[in-house]
Amino acid sequence: MRPRPRHTSLLENLFELVSRLPWWVSVACAAGSYFALSAIEGAQPLRTAARLGRIIVPLLFLAGAGIGLIRRR
């Protein structure tokens, strides 16, 4: 019997991708995403999504940088 393919979420796929980047690229992307999402203006739902993303996206990049450093050692 063949093993079932592992279904992963978008967040898991992004985390895996980010953890393969060099740590300094991940840190730069974290800073860039924070400032880019801070600059978003528009309707209230868009601003709310940007505020949540301003927290989640940089944390994803920083966690990926940490995991990438651990994997390389």
N, C-alpha and C. Protein backbone atom coordinates (compact mmCIF):
# COMPACT_ATOMS: atom_id res chain seq x y z
N MET A 1 0.84 -1.18 0.00
CA MET A 1 0.00 0.00 0.00
C MET A 1 0.88 1.24 0.00
N ARG A 2 0.55 2.20 -0.84
CA ARG A 2 1.34 3.42 -0.96
C ARG A 2 1.05 4.36 0.21
N PRO A 3 2.09 5.05 0.70
CA PRO A 3 1.83 6.02 1.76
C PRO A 3 1.01 7.19 1.22
N ARG A 4 0.15 7.69 2.06
CA ARG A 4 -0.69 8.82 1.65
C ARG A 4 0.17 10.07 1.54
N PRO A 5 -0.09 10.89 0.55
CA PRO A 5 0.68 12.13 0.44
C PRO A 5 0.35 13.04 1.64
N ARG A 6 1.36 13.70 2.10
CA ARG A 6 1.18 14.59 3.24
C ARG A 6 0.61 15.91 2.75
N HIS A 7 -0.55 16.25 3.24
CA HIS A 7 -1.19 17.52 2.88
C HIS A 7 -0.78 18.57 3.90
N THR A 8 -0.23 19.65 3.41
CA THR A 8 0.21 20.70 4.31
C THR A 8 -0.56 21.98 4.00
N SER A 9 -0.65 22.82 4.99
CA SER A 9 -1.35 24.09 4.81
C SER A 9 -0.42 25.11 4.16
N LEU A 10 -0.99 26.20 3.76
CA LEU A 10 -0.21 27.28 3.17
C LEU A 10 0.81 27.81 4.18
N LEU A 11 0.40 27.92 5.42
CA LEU A 11 1.30 28.42 6.46
C LEU A 11 2.50 27.50 6.65
N GLU A 12 2.26 26.18 6.65
CA GLU A 12 3.36 25.22 6.77
C GLU A 12 4.31 25.31 5.58
N ASN A 13 3.74 25.45 4.38
CA ASN A 13 4.58 25.57 3.19
C ASN A 13 5.42 26.83 3.22
N LEU A 14 4.83 27.95 3.64
CA LEU A 14 5.58 29.20 3.74
C LEU A 14 6.68 29.10 4.79
N PHE A 15 6.37 28.47 5.93
CA PHE A 15 7.36 28.32 6.98
C PHE A 15 8.54 27.48 6.50
N GLU A 16 8.25 26.42 5.76
CA GLU A 16 9.32 25.57 5.22
C GLU A 16 10.18 26.36 4.24
N LEU A 17 9.55 27.16 3.40
CA LEU A 17 10.29 27.98 2.43
C LEU A 17 11.17 28.99 3.14
N VAL A 18 10.61 29.67 4.12
CA VAL A 18 11.36 30.70 4.85
C VAL A 18 12.52 30.09 5.62
N SER A 19 12.35 28.89 6.17
CA SER A 19 13.43 28.28 6.93
C SER A 19 14.60 27.86 6.04
N ARG A 20 14.39 27.79 4.76
CA ARG A 20 15.49 27.45 3.83
C ARG A 20 16.27 28.67 3.37
N LEU A 21 15.73 29.86 3.61
CA LEU A 21 16.44 31.09 3.24
C LEU A 21 17.59 31.34 4.20
N PRO A 22 18.62 32.07 3.76
CA PRO A 22 19.65 32.49 4.72
C PRO A 22 19.02 33.35 5.82
N TRP A 23 19.58 33.30 7.02
CA TRP A 23 18.96 34.00 8.15
C TRP A 23 18.85 35.50 7.92
N TRP A 24 19.85 36.08 7.26
CA TRP A 24 19.82 37.53 7.06
C TRP A 24 18.75 37.94 6.07
N VAL A 25 18.43 37.08 5.11
CA VAL A 25 17.34 37.36 4.17
C VAL A 25 16.00 37.33 4.92
N SER A 26 15.84 36.35 5.81
CA SER A 26 14.61 36.25 6.59
C SER A 26 14.42 37.47 7.50
N VAL A 27 15.49 37.93 8.12
CA VAL A 27 15.40 39.10 9.00
C VAL A 27 15.06 40.35 8.18
N ALA A 28 15.67 40.50 7.01
CA ALA A 28 15.36 41.64 6.14
C ALA A 28 13.91 41.58 5.66
N CYS A 29 13.44 40.40 5.33
CA CYS A 29 12.04 40.24 4.90
C CYS A 29 11.08 40.54 6.04
N ALA A 30 11.44 40.17 7.26
CA ALA A 30 10.60 40.47 8.43
C ALA A 30 10.46 41.98 8.60
N ALA A 31 11.58 42.70 8.53
CA ALA A 31 11.53 44.15 8.66
C ALA A 31 10.76 44.78 7.51
N GLY A 32 11.03 44.32 6.30
CA GLY A 32 10.33 44.87 5.13
C GLY A 32 8.84 44.62 5.16
N SER A 33 8.43 43.42 5.57
CA SER A 33 7.00 43.12 5.62
C SER A 33 6.31 43.94 6.71
N TYR A 34 6.99 44.16 7.82
CA TYR A 34 6.40 44.97 8.89
C TYR A 34 6.12 46.39 8.39
N PHE A 35 7.12 47.01 7.76
CA PHE A 35 6.94 48.38 7.29
C PHE A 35 5.98 48.47 6.11
N ALA A 36 5.99 47.47 5.24
CA ALA A 36 5.07 47.48 4.11
C ALA A 36 3.62 47.34 4.59
N LEU A 37 3.40 46.46 5.56
CA LEU A 37 2.04 46.30 6.07
C LEU A 37 1.62 47.47 6.93
N SER A 38 2.56 48.21 7.50
CA SER A 38 2.23 49.40 8.28
C SER A 38 1.73 50.53 7.39
N ALA A 39 2.15 50.52 6.14
CA ALA A 39 1.79 51.60 5.22
C ALA A 39 0.44 51.40 4.54
N ILE A 40 -0.22 50.29 4.77
CA ILE A 40 -1.48 50.01 4.08
C ILE A 40 -2.61 50.84 4.66
N GLU A 41 -3.29 51.53 3.80
CA GLU A 41 -4.47 52.32 4.15
C GLU A 41 -5.63 51.79 3.32
N GLY A 42 -6.83 52.09 3.74
CA GLY A 42 -8.00 51.67 2.99
C GLY A 42 -9.18 51.44 3.90
N ALA A 43 -10.07 50.58 3.45
CA ALA A 43 -11.27 50.27 4.23
C ALA A 43 -10.88 49.56 5.52
N GLN A 44 -11.79 49.59 6.49
CA GLN A 44 -11.52 49.01 7.81
C GLN A 44 -11.12 47.53 7.75
N PRO A 45 -11.79 46.68 6.96
CA PRO A 45 -11.35 45.27 6.93
C PRO A 45 -9.91 45.11 6.40
N LEU A 46 -9.53 45.94 5.46
CA LEU A 46 -8.17 45.88 4.92
C LEU A 46 -7.16 46.30 5.98
N ARG A 47 -7.46 47.36 6.71
CA ARG A 47 -6.55 47.81 7.77
C ARG A 47 -6.43 46.78 8.88
N THR A 48 -7.54 46.13 9.22
CA THR A 48 -7.50 45.10 10.25
C THR A 48 -6.64 43.92 9.82
N ALA A 49 -6.80 43.49 8.57
CA ALA A 49 -5.98 42.39 8.04
C ALA A 49 -4.50 42.79 8.03
N ALA A 50 -4.21 44.04 7.69
CA ALA A 50 -2.82 44.52 7.67
C ALA A 50 -2.25 44.54 9.08
N ARG A 51 -3.06 44.92 10.06
CA ARG A 51 -2.57 44.94 11.45
C ARG A 51 -2.24 43.53 11.92
N LEU A 52 -3.10 42.57 11.59
CA LEU A 52 -2.81 41.18 11.96
C LEU A 52 -1.58 40.67 11.21
N GLY A 53 -1.50 40.98 9.94
CA GLY A 53 -0.36 40.55 9.15
C GLY A 53 0.94 41.17 9.61
N ARG A 54 0.85 42.40 10.15
CA ARG A 54 2.04 43.09 10.65
C ARG A 54 2.66 42.35 11.82
N ILE A 55 1.86 41.53 12.50
CA ILE A 55 2.37 40.73 13.61
C ILE A 55 2.77 39.34 13.13
N ILE A 56 1.90 38.71 12.35
CA ILE A 56 2.08 37.31 11.98
C ILE A 56 3.22 37.12 10.97
N VAL A 57 3.26 37.93 9.93
CA VAL A 57 4.23 37.73 8.85
C VAL A 57 5.68 37.91 9.34
N PRO A 58 5.99 39.00 10.06
CA PRO A 58 7.38 39.10 10.57
C PRO A 58 7.75 37.98 11.54
N LEU A 59 6.79 37.53 12.36
CA LEU A 59 7.08 36.41 13.26
C LEU A 59 7.38 35.14 12.47
N LEU A 60 6.67 34.94 11.38
CA LEU A 60 6.93 33.79 10.52
C LEU A 60 8.35 33.85 9.96
N PHE A 61 8.75 35.03 9.48
CA PHE A 61 10.11 35.18 8.95
C PHE A 61 11.17 34.99 10.03
N LEU A 62 10.95 35.55 11.21
CA LEU A 62 11.95 35.42 12.28
C LEU A 62 12.03 33.99 12.81
N ALA A 63 10.88 33.32 12.93
CA ALA A 63 10.90 31.92 13.36
C ALA A 63 11.60 31.05 12.32
N GLY A 64 11.35 31.34 11.05
CA GLY A 64 12.02 30.60 9.98
C GLY A 64 13.52 30.82 10.00
N ALA A 65 13.94 32.04 10.31
CA ALA A 65 15.37 32.32 10.41
C ALA A 65 15.99 31.51 11.55
N GLY A 66 15.30 31.44 12.68
CA GLY A 66 15.81 30.66 13.81
C GLY A 66 15.89 29.18 13.49
N ILE A 67 14.86 28.64 12.87
CA ILE A 67 14.86 27.22 12.51
C ILE A 67 15.95 26.95 11.47
N GLY A 68 16.12 27.86 10.52
CA GLY A 68 17.16 27.71 9.51
C GLY A 68 18.56 27.68 10.13
N LEU A 69 18.79 28.54 11.12
CA LEU A 69 20.08 28.54 11.81
C LEU A 69 20.31 27.23 12.57
N ILE A 70 19.28 26.74 13.21
CA ILE A 70 19.39 25.48 13.96
C ILE A 70 19.67 24.32 13.01
N ARG A 71 19.01 24.28 11.88
CA ARG A 71 19.20 23.19 10.92
C ARG A 71 20.59 23.18 10.31
N ARG A 72 21.18 24.36 10.15
CA ARG A 72 22.49 24.46 9.51
C ARG A 72 23.62 24.07 10.45
N ARG A 73 23.39 24.03 11.73
CA ARG A 73 24.45 23.72 12.70
C ARG A 73 24.55 22.28 12.98
